Amino acid sequence: MQKITTVLFDLDGTLIPFDQNEFIEAYLHHITNKFVPMGYDKEILIKALWDGTGSMVKNDGKVMNRDVFKSTFTELMEKEYDEMEDDFMEFYEKEFDNVKETLQEKVNRAEFIKTIKDKGLKVILATNPIFPKVAVQTRLNWIGLSLDDFDYVTTFENSHYCKPNLEYYKEIFENIGSKPEESIMVGNNALEDMIVSELGVRTFLITDNLENPQKIDINKFENGSFDVIAEKVLNIL
């Protein structure tokens, strides 16, 4: 077996213990609470956010995810995204923090991540890059981490693809200089995270907040609760 040099982690539902649907509901509640009083139509705003995200998921790699989102969002809002971006960044830095109410338990992942880094491995935050960097930092704060704790973090500013597109993972490996066969991926989505196994990456599926709308047979992946998987990962490094 290849020596492991790199560990990739999903964020939402993996390092952060929450249900994705509850997270989305709280996120939309707080973002509309900020922007509707500023004169924006609630339904159009939500549609622009959803469609903008959908465009990023379909991104073919010609431009960054941010640019794809910006194009779709601007068209639907009939207002330049650039004019709103400062307000968005302020939201993600401040009001977005209220979404931590969806956490199922208070956890601190700092020691766990430090243990892996102390072994001399690269640690990558492979979160689906549909949010800006500042939004990722806010979510990391909830679990005692920061962007600086990772060797590489995917955001909508630095990524040309989204999960489950394998090009998303290929881009990571190109940027960090690691080989898939020397890597481990830990995530809670049976399609979006586990698909990287097709590149030769060893995968671990977190079942605490399992996402599996495609009804994939999860028994073909090493799987278990976060605590079980964390112990397994540490034991093989």
C-alpha atoms as a PDB file:
ATOM      1  CA  MET A   1       0.000   0.000   0.000  1.00  0.00           C
ATOM      2  CA  GLN A   2       1.211   3.512  -0.860  1.00  0.00           C
ATOM      3  CA  LYS A   3       2.466   5.695   1.978  1.00  0.00           C
ATOM      4  CA  ILE A   4      -0.197   8.293   2.777  1.00  0.00           C
ATOM      5  CA  THR A   5       0.983  11.900   2.349  1.00  0.00           C
ATOM      6  CA  THR A   6      -2.312  13.805   2.168  1.00  0.00           C
ATOM      7  CA  VAL A   7      -5.668  13.807   3.970  1.00  0.00           C
ATOM      8  CA  LEU A   8      -8.688  15.595   2.512  1.00  0.00           C
ATOM      9  CA  PHE A   9     -11.708  16.534   4.601  1.00  0.00           C
ATOM     10  CA  ASP A  10     -15.172  17.632   3.631  1.00  0.00           C
ATOM     11  CA  LEU A  11     -16.553  20.323   5.964  1.00  0.00           C
ATOM     12  CA  ASP A  12     -20.352  20.418   6.275  1.00  0.00           C
ATOM     13  CA  GLY A  13     -21.720  17.294   7.919  1.00  0.00           C
ATOM     14  CA  THR A  14     -18.187  15.912   8.276  1.00  0.00           C
ATOM     15  CA  LEU A  15     -15.960  18.134  10.409  1.00  0.00           C
ATOM     16  CA  ILE A  16     -19.031  20.214  11.311  1.00  0.00           C
ATOM     17  CA  PRO A  17     -21.806  18.114  12.866  1.00  0.00           C
ATOM     18  CA  PHE A  18     -25.021  19.384  11.356  1.00  0.00           C
ATOM     19  CA  ASP A  19     -27.801  18.296   9.040  1.00  0.00           C
ATOM     20  CA  GLN A  20     -27.452  19.888   5.602  1.00  0.00           C
ATOM     21  CA  ASN A  21     -31.155  20.693   5.265  1.00  0.00           C
ATOM     22  CA  GLU A  22     -31.256  22.450   8.650  1.00  0.00           C
ATOM     23  CA  PHE A  23     -28.128  24.380   7.688  1.00  0.00           C
ATOM     24  CA  ILE A  24     -29.632  25.548   4.379  1.00  0.00           C
ATOM     25  CA  GLU A  25     -32.893  26.573   6.059  1.00  0.00           C
ATOM     26  CA  ALA A  26     -31.044  28.649   8.674  1.00  0.00           C
ATOM     27  CA  TYR A  27     -28.705  30.128   6.044  1.00  0.00           C
ATOM     28  CA  LEU A  28     -31.590  31.301   3.846  1.00  0.00           C
ATOM     29  CA  HIS A  29     -33.410  32.685   6.886  1.00  0.00           C
ATOM     30  CA  HIS A  30     -30.472  34.829   7.958  1.00  0.00           C
ATOM     31  CA  ILE A  31     -29.416  35.994   4.505  1.00  0.00           C
ATOM     32  CA  THR A  32     -32.932  37.129   3.594  1.00  0.00           C
ATOM     33  CA  ASN A  33     -33.200  38.854   6.981  1.00  0.00           C
ATOM     34  CA  LYS A  34     -30.205  40.944   5.962  1.00  0.00           C
ATOM     35  CA  PHE A  35     -31.048  41.709   2.348  1.00  0.00           C
ATOM     36  CA  VAL A  36     -34.861  42.053   2.278  1.00  0.00           C
ATOM     37  CA  PRO A  37     -34.813  45.163   4.542  1.00  0.00           C
ATOM     38  CA  MET A  38     -32.291  46.608   2.079  1.00  0.00           C
ATOM     39  CA  GLY A  39     -34.970  46.474  -0.621  1.00  0.00           C
ATOM     40  CA  TYR A  40     -34.331  43.136  -2.299  1.00  0.00           C
ATOM     41  CA  ASP A  41     -37.168  40.780  -3.194  1.00  0.00           C
ATOM     42  CA  LYS A  42     -36.993  37.654  -1.034  1.00  0.00           C
ATOM     43  CA  GLU A  43     -38.124  35.134  -3.660  1.00  0.00           C
ATOM     44  CA  ILE A  44     -35.902  36.555  -6.391  1.00  0.00           C
ATOM     45  CA  LEU A  45     -32.930  36.598  -4.019  1.00  0.00           C
ATOM     46  CA  ILE A  46     -33.429  32.951  -3.021  1.00  0.00           C
ATOM     47  CA  LYS A  47     -33.849  31.916  -6.664  1.00  0.00           C
ATOM     48  CA  ALA A  48     -30.703  33.837  -7.622  1.00  0.00           C
ATOM     49  CA  LEU A  49     -28.737  32.097  -4.851  1.00  0.00           C
ATOM     50  CA  TRP A  50     -30.041  28.639  -5.816  1.00  0.00           C
ATOM     51  CA  ASP A  51     -29.572  29.117  -9.552  1.00  0.00           C
ATOM     52  CA  GLY A  52     -26.162  30.670  -9.015  1.00  0.00           C
ATOM     53  CA  THR A  53     -25.155  27.633  -6.977  1.00  0.00           C
ATOM     54  CA  GLY A  54     -26.558  25.315  -9.651  1.00  0.00           C
ATOM     55  CA  SER A  55     -24.461  27.085 -12.263  1.00  0.00           C
ATOM     56  CA  MET A  56     -21.333  26.532 -10.178  1.00  0.00           C
ATOM     57  CA  VAL A  57     -22.102  22.819  -9.839  1.00  0.00           C
ATOM     58  CA  LYS A  58     -22.280  22.617 -13.657  1.00  0.00           C
ATOM     59  CA  ASN A  59     -19.144  24.723 -14.178  1.00  0.00           C
ATOM     60  CA  ASP A  60     -17.087  23.339 -17.078  1.00  0.00           C
ATOM     61  CA  GLY A  61     -13.839  24.874 -15.877  1.00  0.00           C
ATOM     62  CA  LYS A  62     -13.506  27.798 -18.278  1.00  0.00           C
ATOM     63  CA  VAL A  63     -13.752  30.346 -15.446  1.00  0.00           C
ATOM     64  CA  MET A  64     -13.728  30.337 -11.644  1.00  0.00           C
ATOM     65  CA  ASN A  65     -16.857  29.351  -9.745  1.00  0.00           C
ATOM     66  CA  ARG A  66     -17.209  32.912  -8.478  1.00  0.00           C
ATOM     67  CA  ASP A  67     -17.498  34.188 -12.054  1.00  0.00           C
ATOM     68  CA  VAL A  68     -20.146  31.591 -12.936  1.00  0.00           C
ATOM     69  CA  PHE A  69     -22.138  32.492  -9.824  1.00  0.00           C
ATOM     70  CA  LYS A  70     -21.747  36.197 -10.533  1.00  0.00           C
ATOM     71  CA  SER A  71     -23.084  35.825 -14.075  1.00  0.00           C
ATOM     72  CA  THR A  72     -26.215  33.860 -13.116  1.00  0.00           C
ATOM     73  CA  PHE A  73     -26.887  35.910  -9.986  1.00  0.00           C
ATOM     74  CA  THR A  74     -26.580  39.245 -11.799  1.00  0.00           C
ATOM     75  CA  GLU A  75     -28.917  38.130 -14.580  1.00  0.00           C
ATOM     76  CA  LEU A  76     -31.666  37.078 -12.162  1.00  0.00           C
ATOM     77  CA  MET A  77     -31.288  39.948  -9.700  1.00  0.00           C
ATOM     78  CA  GLU A  78     -31.006  42.491 -12.537  1.00  0.00           C
ATOM     79  CA  LYS A  79     -28.331  44.096 -10.369  1.00  0.00           C
ATOM     80  CA  GLU A  80     -24.587  43.702 -10.665  1.00  0.00           C
ATOM     81  CA  TYR A  81     -23.226  41.161  -8.165  1.00  0.00           C
ATOM     82  CA  ASP A  82     -20.157  43.376  -7.778  1.00  0.00           C
ATOM     83  CA  GLU A  83     -22.388  46.086  -6.313  1.00  0.00           C
ATOM     84  CA  MET A  84     -23.645  43.665  -3.661  1.00  0.00           C
ATOM     85  CA  GLU A  85     -20.457  41.746  -2.961  1.00  0.00           C
ATOM     86  CA  ASP A  86     -19.306  43.912  -0.052  1.00  0.00           C
ATOM     87  CA  ASP A  87     -22.672  43.376   1.638  1.00  0.00           C
ATOM     88  CA  PHE A  88     -22.397  39.631   1.009  1.00  0.00           C
ATOM     89  CA  MET A  89     -18.915  39.478   2.513  1.00  0.00           C
ATOM     90  CA  GLU A  90     -20.143  41.423   5.543  1.00  0.00           C
ATOM     91  CA  PHE A  91     -23.013  38.945   5.906  1.00  0.00           C
ATOM     92  CA  TYR A  92     -20.673  35.947   5.783  1.00  0.00           C
ATOM     93  CA  GLU A  93     -18.366  37.541   8.316  1.00  0.00           C
ATOM     94  CA  LYS A  94     -21.102  38.581  10.754  1.00  0.00           C
ATOM     95  CA  GLU A  95     -24.740  37.426  10.466  1.00  0.00           C
ATOM     96  CA  PHE A  96     -23.766  34.066   8.953  1.00  0.00           C
ATOM     97  CA  ASP A  97     -22.253  33.207  12.326  1.00  0.00           C
ATOM     98  CA  ASN A  98     -25.812  32.786  13.667  1.00  0.00           C
ATOM     99  CA  VAL A  99     -26.193  29.659  11.537  1.00  0.00           C
ATOM    100  CA  LYS A 100     -24.015  27.839  14.080  1.00  0.00           C
ATOM    101  CA  GLU A 101     -27.305  27.318  15.948  1.00  0.00           C
ATOM    102  CA  THR A 102     -27.743  24.281  13.678  1.00  0.00           C
ATOM    103  CA  LEU A 103     -24.740  22.452  15.198  1.00  0.00           C
ATOM    104  CA  GLN A 104     -25.864  19.226  16.816  1.00  0.00           C
ATOM    105  CA  GLU A 105     -23.081  19.343  19.381  1.00  0.00           C
ATOM    106  CA  LYS A 106     -20.214  21.608  20.327  1.00  0.00           C
ATOM    107  CA  VAL A 107     -16.987  20.143  19.000  1.00  0.00           C
ATOM    108  CA  ASN A 108     -13.416  21.311  18.623  1.00  0.00           C
ATOM    109  CA  ARG A 109     -11.462  19.687  15.812  1.00  0.00           C
ATOM    110  CA  ALA A 110      -8.216  21.629  16.376  1.00  0.00           C
ATOM    111  CA  GLU A 111      -6.355  18.857  18.207  1.00  0.00           C
ATOM    112  CA  PHE A 112      -7.426  16.237  15.671  1.00  0.00           C
ATOM    113  CA  ILE A 113      -6.209  18.269  12.698  1.00  0.00           C
ATOM    114  CA  LYS A 114      -2.999  19.215  14.532  1.00  0.00           C
ATOM    115  CA  THR A 115      -2.272  15.549  15.229  1.00  0.00           C
ATOM    116  CA  ILE A 116      -2.427  14.788  11.516  1.00  0.00           C
ATOM    117  CA  LYS A 117      -0.280  17.790  10.568  1.00  0.00           C
ATOM    118  CA  ASP A 118       2.282  16.876  13.227  1.00  0.00           C
ATOM    119  CA  LYS A 119       2.804  13.611  11.375  1.00  0.00           C
ATOM    120  CA  GLY A 120       4.082  15.668   8.452  1.00  0.00           C
ATOM    121  CA  LEU A 121       1.033  15.207   6.241  1.00  0.00           C
ATOM    122  CA  LYS A 122      -0.742  17.744   4.065  1.00  0.00           C
ATOM    123  CA  VAL A 123      -4.266  18.455   5.295  1.00  0.00           C
ATOM    124  CA  ILE A 124      -6.750  19.736   2.717  1.00  0.00           C
ATOM    125  CA  LEU A 125     -10.196  21.208   3.301  1.00  0.00           C
ATOM    126  CA  ALA A 126     -12.098  19.832   0.321  1.00  0.00           C
ATOM    127  CA  THR A 127     -15.393  21.585   0.929  1.00  0.00           C
ATOM    128  CA  ASN A 128     -17.659  22.040  -2.082  1.00  0.00           C
ATOM    129  CA  PRO A 129     -16.480  25.446  -3.392  1.00  0.00           C
ATOM    130  CA  ILE A 130     -19.829  27.198  -3.631  1.00  0.00           C
ATOM    131  CA  PHE A 131     -19.043  29.718  -0.862  1.00  0.00           C
ATOM    132  CA  PRO A 132     -16.474  32.528  -0.638  1.00  0.00           C
ATOM    133  CA  LYS A 133     -13.381  32.164   1.525  1.00  0.00           C
ATOM    134  CA  VAL A 134     -14.826  34.340   4.301  1.00  0.00           C
ATOM    135  CA  ALA A 135     -17.862  32.021   4.632  1.00  0.00           C
ATOM    136  CA  VAL A 136     -15.569  29.006   4.994  1.00  0.00           C
ATOM    137  CA  GLN A 137     -13.596  30.799   7.725  1.00  0.00           C
ATOM    138  CA  THR A 138     -16.774  31.607   9.651  1.00  0.00           C
ATOM    139  CA  ARG A 139     -17.853  27.954   9.587  1.00  0.00           C
ATOM    140  CA  LEU A 140     -14.381  26.806  10.666  1.00  0.00           C
ATOM    141  CA  ASN A 141     -14.610  29.140  13.678  1.00  0.00           C
ATOM    142  CA  TRP A 142     -17.497  27.009  14.949  1.00  0.00           C
ATOM    143  CA  ILE A 143     -15.205  24.008  15.374  1.00  0.00           C
ATOM    144  CA  GLY A 144     -12.065  25.732  16.642  1.00  0.00           C
ATOM    145  CA  LEU A 145     -10.268  25.899  13.305  1.00  0.00           C
ATOM    146  CA  SER A 146      -9.117  28.499  10.804  1.00  0.00           C
ATOM    147  CA  LEU A 147      -8.065  28.568   7.161  1.00  0.00           C
ATOM    148  CA  ASP A 148      -4.438  28.567   8.335  1.00  0.00           C
ATOM    149  CA  ASP A 149      -4.871  25.085   9.803  1.00  0.00           C
ATOM    150  CA  PHE A 150      -5.051  23.659   6.274  1.00  0.00           C
ATOM    151  CA  ASP A 151      -2.490  23.450   3.501  1.00  0.00           C
ATOM    152  CA  TYR A 152      -5.170  24.146   0.913  1.00  0.00           C
ATOM    153  CA  VAL A 153      -8.844  25.136   1.088  1.00  0.00           C
ATOM    154  CA  THR A 154     -11.272  25.085  -1.838  1.00  0.00           C
ATOM    155  CA  THR A 155     -13.483  28.174  -2.176  1.00  0.00           C
ATOM    156  CA  PHE A 156     -15.490  29.694  -5.009  1.00  0.00           C
ATOM    157  CA  GLU A 157     -12.628  32.128  -5.616  1.00  0.00           C
ATOM    158  CA  ASN A 158      -9.987  29.457  -6.370  1.00  0.00           C
ATOM    159  CA  SER A 159     -11.932  26.579  -7.956  1.00  0.00           C
ATOM    160  CA  HIS A 160     -13.121  25.880 -11.497  1.00  0.00           C
ATOM    161  CA  TYR A 161     -15.364  22.923 -10.640  1.00  0.00           C
ATOM    162  CA  CYS A 162     -17.641  21.515  -7.919  1.00  0.00           C
ATOM    163  CA  LYS A 163     -18.352  18.100  -6.455  1.00  0.00           C
ATOM    164  CA  PRO A 164     -19.143  15.511  -7.702  1.00  0.00           C
ATOM    165  CA  ASN A 165     -17.136  16.421 -10.822  1.00  0.00           C
ATOM    166  CA  LEU A 166     -13.871  14.481 -10.697  1.00  0.00           C
ATOM    167  CA  GLU A 167     -12.176  17.517 -12.252  1.00  0.00           C
ATOM    168  CA  TYR A 168     -12.717  19.241  -8.890  1.00  0.00           C
ATOM    169  CA  TYR A 169     -10.494  16.681  -7.199  1.00  0.00           C
ATOM    170  CA  LYS A 170      -7.956  16.612 -10.043  1.00  0.00           C
ATOM    171  CA  GLU A 171      -7.579  20.375  -9.685  1.00  0.00           C
ATOM    172  CA  ILE A 172      -6.823  19.962  -5.970  1.00  0.00           C
ATOM    173  CA  PHE A 173      -4.138  17.377  -6.610  1.00  0.00           C
ATOM    174  CA  GLU A 174      -2.576  19.530  -9.312  1.00  0.00           C
ATOM    175  CA  ASN A 175      -2.496  22.534  -6.987  1.00  0.00           C
ATOM    176  CA  ILE A 176      -1.036  20.724  -3.972  1.00  0.00           C
ATOM    177  CA  GLY A 177       1.339  18.401  -5.820  1.00  0.00           C
ATOM    178  CA  SER A 178       0.027  15.203  -4.227  1.00  0.00           C
ATOM    179  CA  LYS A 179      -0.889  11.918  -5.889  1.00  0.00           C
ATOM    180  CA  PRO A 180      -4.408  10.506  -5.464  1.00  0.00           C
ATOM    181  CA  GLU A 181      -3.074   7.061  -4.543  1.00  0.00           C
ATOM    182  CA  GLU A 182      -1.170   8.626  -1.614  1.00  0.00           C
ATOM    183  CA  SER A 183      -4.299  10.334  -0.297  1.00  0.00           C
ATOM    184  CA  ILE A 184      -7.324   9.782   1.935  1.00  0.00           C
ATOM    185  CA  MET A 185     -10.709  11.513   1.617  1.00  0.00           C
ATOM    186  CA  VAL A 186     -13.094  11.791   4.573  1.00  0.00           C
ATOM    187  CA  GLY A 187     -16.639  12.953   3.857  1.00  0.00           C
ATOM    188  CA  ASN A 188     -20.328  12.363   4.570  1.00  0.00           C
ATOM    189  CA  ASN A 189     -21.745  12.378   1.024  1.00  0.00           C
ATOM    190  CA  ALA A 190     -21.809   8.976  -0.660  1.00  0.00           C
ATOM    191  CA  LEU A 191     -21.585  10.494  -4.136  1.00  0.00           C
ATOM    192  CA  GLU A 192     -19.864  13.875  -3.843  1.00  0.00           C
ATOM    193  CA  ASP A 193     -17.098  12.750  -1.481  1.00  0.00           C
ATOM    194  CA  MET A 194     -16.733   9.056  -2.246  1.00  0.00           C
ATOM    195  CA  ILE A 195     -16.533   9.518  -6.035  1.00  0.00           C
ATOM    196  CA  VAL A 196     -12.868  10.435  -5.584  1.00  0.00           C
ATOM    197  CA  SER A 197     -12.198   6.733  -5.022  1.00  0.00           C
ATOM    198  CA  GLU A 198     -12.351   6.470  -8.839  1.00  0.00           C
ATOM    199  CA  LEU A 199      -9.020   8.318  -8.897  1.00  0.00           C
ATOM    200  CA  GLY A 200      -7.459   5.807  -6.513  1.00  0.00           C
ATOM    201  CA  VAL A 201      -8.003   7.785  -3.306  1.00  0.00           C
ATOM    202  CA  ARG A 202      -8.785   5.788  -0.170  1.00  0.00           C
ATOM    203  CA  THR A 203     -12.151   6.928   1.177  1.00  0.00           C
ATOM    204  CA  PHE A 204     -13.890   7.010   4.539  1.00  0.00           C
ATOM    205  CA  LEU A 205     -17.611   7.799   4.757  1.00  0.00           C
ATOM    206  CA  ILE A 206     -18.938   9.566   7.861  1.00  0.00           C
ATOM    207  CA  THR A 207     -22.440   8.281   8.666  1.00  0.00           C
ATOM    208  CA  ASP A 208     -23.464  10.681  11.468  1.00  0.00           C
ATOM    209  CA  ASN A 209     -25.049  13.052   8.929  1.00  0.00           C
ATOM    210  CA  LEU A 210     -24.985  10.792   5.913  1.00  0.00           C
ATOM    211  CA  GLU A 211     -26.058  12.337   2.613  1.00  0.00           C
ATOM    212  CA  ASN A 212     -27.043   9.692   0.105  1.00  0.00           C
ATOM    213  CA  PRO A 213     -30.019  10.763  -2.036  1.00  0.00           C
ATOM    214  CA  GLN A 214     -28.826   8.456  -4.825  1.00  0.00           C
ATOM    215  CA  LYS A 215     -29.208   5.430  -2.477  1.00  0.00           C
ATOM    216  CA  ILE A 216     -25.656   4.272  -3.160  1.00  0.00           C
ATOM    217  CA  ASP A 217     -24.613   1.079  -1.348  1.00  0.00           C
ATOM    218  CA  ILE A 218     -22.436   2.571   1.391  1.00  0.00           C
ATOM    219  CA  ASN A 219     -21.057  -0.826   2.419  1.00  0.00           C
ATOM    220  CA  LYS A 220     -18.557  -0.610  -0.426  1.00  0.00           C
ATOM    221  CA  PHE A 221     -16.895   2.247   1.475  1.00  0.00           C
ATOM    222  CA  GLU A 222     -15.196   2.151   4.849  1.00  0.00           C
ATOM    223  CA  ASN A 223     -17.825   3.905   6.957  1.00  0.00           C
ATOM    224  CA  GLY A 224     -18.812   4.800  10.502  1.00  0.00           C
ATOM    225  CA  SER A 225     -19.343   7.659  12.941  1.00  0.00           C
ATOM    226  CA  PHE A 226     -16.883  10.558  12.996  1.00  0.00           C
ATOM    227  CA  ASP A 227     -15.172   9.221  16.122  1.00  0.00           C
ATOM    228  CA  VAL A 228     -14.764   5.741  14.612  1.00  0.00           C
ATOM    229  CA  ILE A 229     -13.427   7.066  11.313  1.00  0.00           C
ATOM    230  CA  ALA A 230     -11.113   9.571  13.024  1.00  0.00           C
ATOM    231  CA  GLU A 231      -9.522   6.746  14.991  1.00  0.00           C
ATOM    232  CA  LYS A 232      -9.155   4.621  11.859  1.00  0.00           C
ATOM    233  CA  VAL A 233      -7.508   7.460   9.951  1.00  0.00           C
ATOM    234  CA  LEU A 234      -5.049   8.194  12.756  1.00  0.00           C
ATOM    235  CA  ASN A 235      -4.180   4.508  13.047  1.00  0.00           C
ATOM    236  CA  ILE A 236      -3.131   4.184   9.411  1.00  0.00           C
ATOM    237  CA  LEU A 237      -1.134   7.404   9.162  1.00  0.00           C
END
